[in-house]
Amino acid sequence: MIKHATPDERRLVESYTRGEWRSVKGVRRRTARYAAAARRTLRKNARMNIRISQVDLAGLQAKAIQEGLPYQTLVASVLHKYVSGQLATKA
């Protein structure tokens, strides 16, 4: 058993150990489909240079650290969400 597991984690491990989990049908096909979609979406084939304030750059870098991402990846993600209409604005 895992030493520092939470009660929920222990229940999941015990359930799995008892053989209560079953794979869903078509999981390999679905995984391949979603992996291909991710590759198409995340393909970076263009370069962009911008100038921003040092304060904004520091803020982006801090947010990226919180998210566990390189800051360039965070910026690309925010821009992608904006142009695809997925970025919510505050009302």
N, C-alpha and C. Protein backbone atom coordinates (compact mmCIF):
# COMPACT_ATOMS: atom_id res chain seq x y z
N MET A 1 0.85 -1.19 0.00
CA MET A 1 0.00 0.00 0.00
C MET A 1 0.88 1.24 0.00
N ILE A 2 0.38 2.30 -0.56
CA ILE A 2 1.09 3.56 -0.64
C ILE A 2 1.11 4.21 0.75
N LYS A 3 2.31 4.62 1.20
CA LYS A 3 2.45 5.16 2.55
C LYS A 3 1.64 6.43 2.78
N HIS A 4 1.77 7.40 1.90
CA HIS A 4 1.17 8.71 2.14
C HIS A 4 -0.08 8.94 1.28
N ALA A 5 -0.84 7.90 1.04
CA ALA A 5 -2.03 8.02 0.21
C ALA A 5 -3.20 8.57 1.03
N THR A 6 -4.05 9.31 0.36
CA THR A 6 -5.28 9.78 1.00
C THR A 6 -6.26 8.61 1.08
N PRO A 7 -7.29 8.74 1.89
CA PRO A 7 -8.30 7.66 1.94
C PRO A 7 -8.90 7.36 0.56
N ASP A 8 -9.17 8.39 -0.23
CA ASP A 8 -9.71 8.18 -1.58
C ASP A 8 -8.72 7.40 -2.45
N GLU A 9 -7.45 7.77 -2.36
CA GLU A 9 -6.43 7.06 -3.14
C GLU A 9 -6.34 5.60 -2.72
N ARG A 10 -6.41 5.34 -1.42
CA ARG A 10 -6.35 3.96 -0.93
C ARG A 10 -7.54 3.15 -1.46
N ARG A 11 -8.75 3.75 -1.44
CA ARG A 11 -9.93 3.06 -1.95
C ARG A 11 -9.78 2.73 -3.44
N LEU A 12 -9.23 3.68 -4.21
CA LEU A 12 -9.04 3.42 -5.64
C LEU A 12 -8.06 2.28 -5.87
N VAL A 13 -6.95 2.28 -5.14
CA VAL A 13 -5.95 1.21 -5.28
C VAL A 13 -6.56 -0.13 -4.89
N GLU A 14 -7.29 -0.16 -3.79
CA GLU A 14 -7.93 -1.41 -3.34
C GLU A 14 -8.94 -1.90 -4.38
N SER A 15 -9.72 -1.01 -4.94
CA SER A 15 -10.70 -1.37 -5.95
C SER A 15 -10.01 -1.95 -7.19
N TYR A 16 -8.94 -1.31 -7.61
CA TYR A 16 -8.19 -1.81 -8.76
C TYR A 16 -7.58 -3.18 -8.46
N THR A 17 -7.02 -3.32 -7.27
CA THR A 17 -6.39 -4.59 -6.86
C THR A 17 -7.41 -5.73 -6.84
N ARG A 18 -8.64 -5.44 -6.45
CA ARG A 18 -9.70 -6.46 -6.43
C ARG A 18 -10.19 -6.80 -7.83
N GLY A 19 -9.71 -6.11 -8.85
CA GLY A 19 -10.11 -6.41 -10.22
C GLY A 19 -11.44 -5.82 -10.61
N GLU A 20 -11.85 -4.75 -9.95
CA GLU A 20 -13.16 -4.15 -10.22
C GLU A 20 -13.14 -3.21 -11.43
N TRP A 21 -11.99 -2.94 -12.00
CA TRP A 21 -11.88 -2.01 -13.12
C TRP A 21 -11.83 -2.78 -14.42
N ARG A 22 -12.53 -2.28 -15.41
CA ARG A 22 -12.54 -2.88 -16.75
C ARG A 22 -12.23 -1.81 -17.78
N SER A 23 -11.50 -2.17 -18.78
CA SER A 23 -11.16 -1.24 -19.84
C SER A 23 -12.41 -0.98 -20.70
N VAL A 24 -12.55 0.24 -21.18
CA VAL A 24 -13.68 0.56 -22.05
C VAL A 24 -13.41 0.05 -23.45
N LYS A 25 -14.48 -0.25 -24.16
CA LYS A 25 -14.33 -0.76 -25.54
C LYS A 25 -13.77 0.32 -26.44
N GLY A 26 -12.88 -0.06 -27.32
CA GLY A 26 -12.33 0.87 -28.30
C GLY A 26 -11.34 1.87 -27.73
N VAL A 27 -10.76 1.57 -26.57
CA VAL A 27 -9.88 2.55 -25.93
C VAL A 27 -8.65 2.85 -26.79
N ARG A 28 -8.10 1.86 -27.45
CA ARG A 28 -6.92 2.10 -28.29
C ARG A 28 -7.27 3.01 -29.48
N ARG A 29 -8.42 2.76 -30.09
CA ARG A 29 -8.85 3.58 -31.22
C ARG A 29 -9.11 5.02 -30.77
N ARG A 30 -9.78 5.17 -29.64
CA ARG A 30 -10.05 6.51 -29.12
C ARG A 30 -8.76 7.24 -28.75
N THR A 31 -7.86 6.53 -28.10
CA THR A 31 -6.59 7.13 -27.71
C THR A 31 -5.83 7.62 -28.94
N ALA A 32 -5.79 6.80 -29.99
CA ALA A 32 -5.09 7.18 -31.22
C ALA A 32 -5.76 8.40 -31.85
N ARG A 33 -7.09 8.44 -31.85
CA ARG A 33 -7.81 9.57 -32.44
C ARG A 33 -7.53 10.86 -31.69
N TYR A 34 -7.58 10.80 -30.35
CA TYR A 34 -7.33 12.00 -29.56
C TYR A 34 -5.87 12.43 -29.62
N ALA A 35 -4.96 11.47 -29.70
CA ALA A 35 -3.54 11.81 -29.82
C ALA A 35 -3.28 12.52 -31.14
N ALA A 36 -3.90 12.06 -32.21
CA ALA A 36 -3.74 12.71 -33.52
C ALA A 36 -4.31 14.12 -33.49
N ALA A 37 -5.46 14.29 -32.85
CA ALA A 37 -6.06 15.63 -32.75
C ALA A 37 -5.16 16.56 -31.94
N ALA A 38 -4.58 16.04 -30.87
CA ALA A 38 -3.68 16.86 -30.05
C ALA A 38 -2.44 17.26 -30.84
N ARG A 39 -1.90 16.32 -31.61
CA ARG A 39 -0.72 16.66 -32.43
C ARG A 39 -1.05 17.76 -33.43
N ARG A 40 -2.21 17.67 -34.07
CA ARG A 40 -2.61 18.70 -35.04
C ARG A 40 -2.80 20.04 -34.36
N THR A 41 -3.43 20.03 -33.20
CA THR A 41 -3.72 21.26 -32.47
C THR A 41 -2.47 21.90 -31.93
N LEU A 42 -1.55 21.09 -31.43
CA LEU A 42 -0.38 21.62 -30.74
C LEU A 42 0.82 21.84 -31.65
N ARG A 43 0.68 21.54 -32.94
CA ARG A 43 1.78 21.74 -33.88
C ARG A 43 2.15 23.21 -33.92
N LYS A 44 3.41 23.46 -33.70
CA LYS A 44 3.89 24.84 -33.73
C LYS A 44 4.78 25.00 -34.96
N ASN A 45 4.24 25.64 -35.99
CA ASN A 45 4.98 25.75 -37.24
C ASN A 45 5.17 27.20 -37.68
N ALA A 46 5.00 28.14 -36.77
CA ALA A 46 5.22 29.55 -37.08
C ALA A 46 5.86 30.23 -35.88
N ARG A 47 6.67 31.21 -36.15
CA ARG A 47 7.35 31.95 -35.09
C ARG A 47 6.77 33.36 -35.03
N MET A 48 6.71 33.91 -33.81
CA MET A 48 6.22 35.26 -33.61
C MET A 48 7.08 35.93 -32.55
N ASN A 49 7.51 37.14 -32.82
CA ASN A 49 8.27 37.93 -31.85
C ASN A 49 7.43 39.13 -31.45
N ILE A 50 7.29 39.36 -30.15
CA ILE A 50 6.54 40.52 -29.67
C ILE A 50 7.34 41.21 -28.57
N ARG A 51 7.03 42.44 -28.34
CA ARG A 51 7.63 43.20 -27.25
C ARG A 51 6.54 43.48 -26.24
N ILE A 52 6.81 43.13 -24.99
CA ILE A 52 5.86 43.39 -23.90
C ILE A 52 6.64 43.99 -22.73
N SER A 53 5.91 44.54 -21.78
CA SER A 53 6.56 45.16 -20.63
C SER A 53 7.20 44.08 -19.75
N GLN A 54 8.22 44.48 -19.03
CA GLN A 54 8.90 43.56 -18.11
C GLN A 54 7.93 43.07 -17.04
N VAL A 55 7.03 43.95 -16.61
CA VAL A 55 6.04 43.57 -15.59
C VAL A 55 5.12 42.47 -16.11
N ASP A 56 4.64 42.63 -17.36
CA ASP A 56 3.77 41.61 -17.94
C ASP A 56 4.53 40.29 -18.13
N LEU A 57 5.77 40.37 -18.57
CA LEU A 57 6.57 39.16 -18.75
C LEU A 57 6.76 38.45 -17.41
N ALA A 58 7.07 39.20 -16.37
CA ALA A 58 7.23 38.60 -15.04
C ALA A 58 5.93 37.95 -14.58
N GLY A 59 4.81 38.60 -14.86
CA GLY A 59 3.51 38.04 -14.50
C GLY A 59 3.22 36.75 -15.25
N LEU A 60 3.53 36.74 -16.54
CA LEU A 60 3.35 35.52 -17.34
C LEU A 60 4.23 34.39 -16.81
N GLN A 61 5.46 34.71 -16.50
CA GLN A 61 6.37 33.69 -15.99
C GLN A 61 5.89 33.14 -14.65
N ALA A 62 5.37 34.01 -13.79
CA ALA A 62 4.85 33.56 -12.49
C ALA A 62 3.63 32.65 -12.67
N LYS A 63 2.72 33.05 -13.56
CA LYS A 63 1.54 32.21 -13.83
C LYS A 63 1.95 30.87 -14.41
N ALA A 64 2.94 30.89 -15.30
CA ALA A 64 3.41 29.65 -15.93
C ALA A 64 4.00 28.71 -14.88
N ILE A 65 4.73 29.26 -13.93
CA ILE A 65 5.29 28.43 -12.85
C ILE A 65 4.16 27.79 -12.05
N GLN A 66 3.11 28.57 -11.75
CA GLN A 66 1.97 28.02 -11.01
C GLN A 66 1.32 26.87 -11.77
N GLU A 67 1.29 26.99 -13.10
CA GLU A 67 0.67 25.96 -13.94
C GLU A 67 1.62 24.81 -14.27
N GLY A 68 2.91 24.99 -13.96
CA GLY A 68 3.89 23.96 -14.28
C GLY A 68 4.22 23.88 -15.75
N LEU A 69 4.22 25.05 -16.42
CA LEU A 69 4.45 25.12 -17.87
C LEU A 69 5.57 26.11 -18.17
N PRO A 70 6.25 25.92 -19.31
CA PRO A 70 7.12 27.00 -19.78
C PRO A 70 6.23 28.20 -20.14
N TYR A 71 6.73 29.42 -19.93
CA TYR A 71 5.86 30.58 -20.16
C TYR A 71 5.48 30.72 -21.62
N GLN A 72 6.34 30.29 -22.54
CA GLN A 72 5.99 30.38 -23.96
C GLN A 72 4.78 29.49 -24.28
N THR A 73 4.73 28.32 -23.63
CA THR A 73 3.60 27.40 -23.82
C THR A 73 2.32 28.03 -23.28
N LEU A 74 2.42 28.68 -22.13
CA LEU A 74 1.25 29.36 -21.56
C LEU A 74 0.75 30.45 -22.50
N VAL A 75 1.66 31.26 -23.03
CA VAL A 75 1.28 32.34 -23.95
C VAL A 75 0.61 31.75 -25.19
N ALA A 76 1.20 30.70 -25.76
CA ALA A 76 0.62 30.08 -26.95
C ALA A 76 -0.77 29.53 -26.65
N SER A 77 -0.95 28.95 -25.47
CA SER A 77 -2.25 28.42 -25.08
C SER A 77 -3.30 29.51 -24.95
N VAL A 78 -2.94 30.61 -24.31
CA VAL A 78 -3.87 31.73 -24.14
C VAL A 78 -4.25 32.30 -25.50
N LEU A 79 -3.27 32.48 -26.38
CA LEU A 79 -3.56 33.01 -27.71
C LEU A 79 -4.46 32.06 -28.50
N HIS A 80 -4.19 30.76 -28.40
CA HIS A 80 -5.03 29.78 -29.11
C HIS A 80 -6.47 29.84 -28.60
N LYS A 81 -6.63 29.90 -27.28
CA LYS A 81 -7.98 29.98 -26.71
C LYS A 81 -8.69 31.25 -27.15
N TYR A 82 -7.95 32.35 -27.25
CA TYR A 82 -8.55 33.62 -27.68
C TYR A 82 -9.05 33.53 -29.12
N VAL A 83 -8.19 33.08 -30.02
CA VAL A 83 -8.59 33.07 -31.43
C VAL A 83 -9.64 32.01 -31.74
N SER A 84 -9.73 30.97 -30.90
CA SER A 84 -10.73 29.93 -31.14
C SER A 84 -12.02 30.19 -30.36
N GLY A 85 -12.10 31.35 -29.66
CA GLY A 85 -13.32 31.70 -28.95
C GLY A 85 -13.52 30.97 -27.64
N GLN A 86 -12.49 30.32 -27.13
CA GLN A 86 -12.61 29.55 -25.90
C GLN A 86 -12.22 30.35 -24.65
N LEU A 87 -11.70 31.54 -24.84
CA LEU A 87 -11.23 32.34 -23.71
C LEU A 87 -12.41 33.17 -23.20
N ALA A 88 -12.81 32.92 -21.97
CA ALA A 88 -13.93 33.64 -21.39
C ALA A 88 -13.47 35.01 -20.90
N THR A 89 -14.31 35.99 -21.09
CA THR A 89 -13.99 37.35 -20.61
C THR A 89 -14.83 37.64 -19.38
N LYS A 90 -14.29 38.49 -18.52
CA LYS A 90 -15.04 38.90 -17.32
C LYS A 90 -16.09 39.92 -17.71
N ALA A 91 -17.27 39.75 -17.16
CA ALA A 91 -18.37 40.68 -17.48
C ALA A 91 -18.44 41.80 -16.50
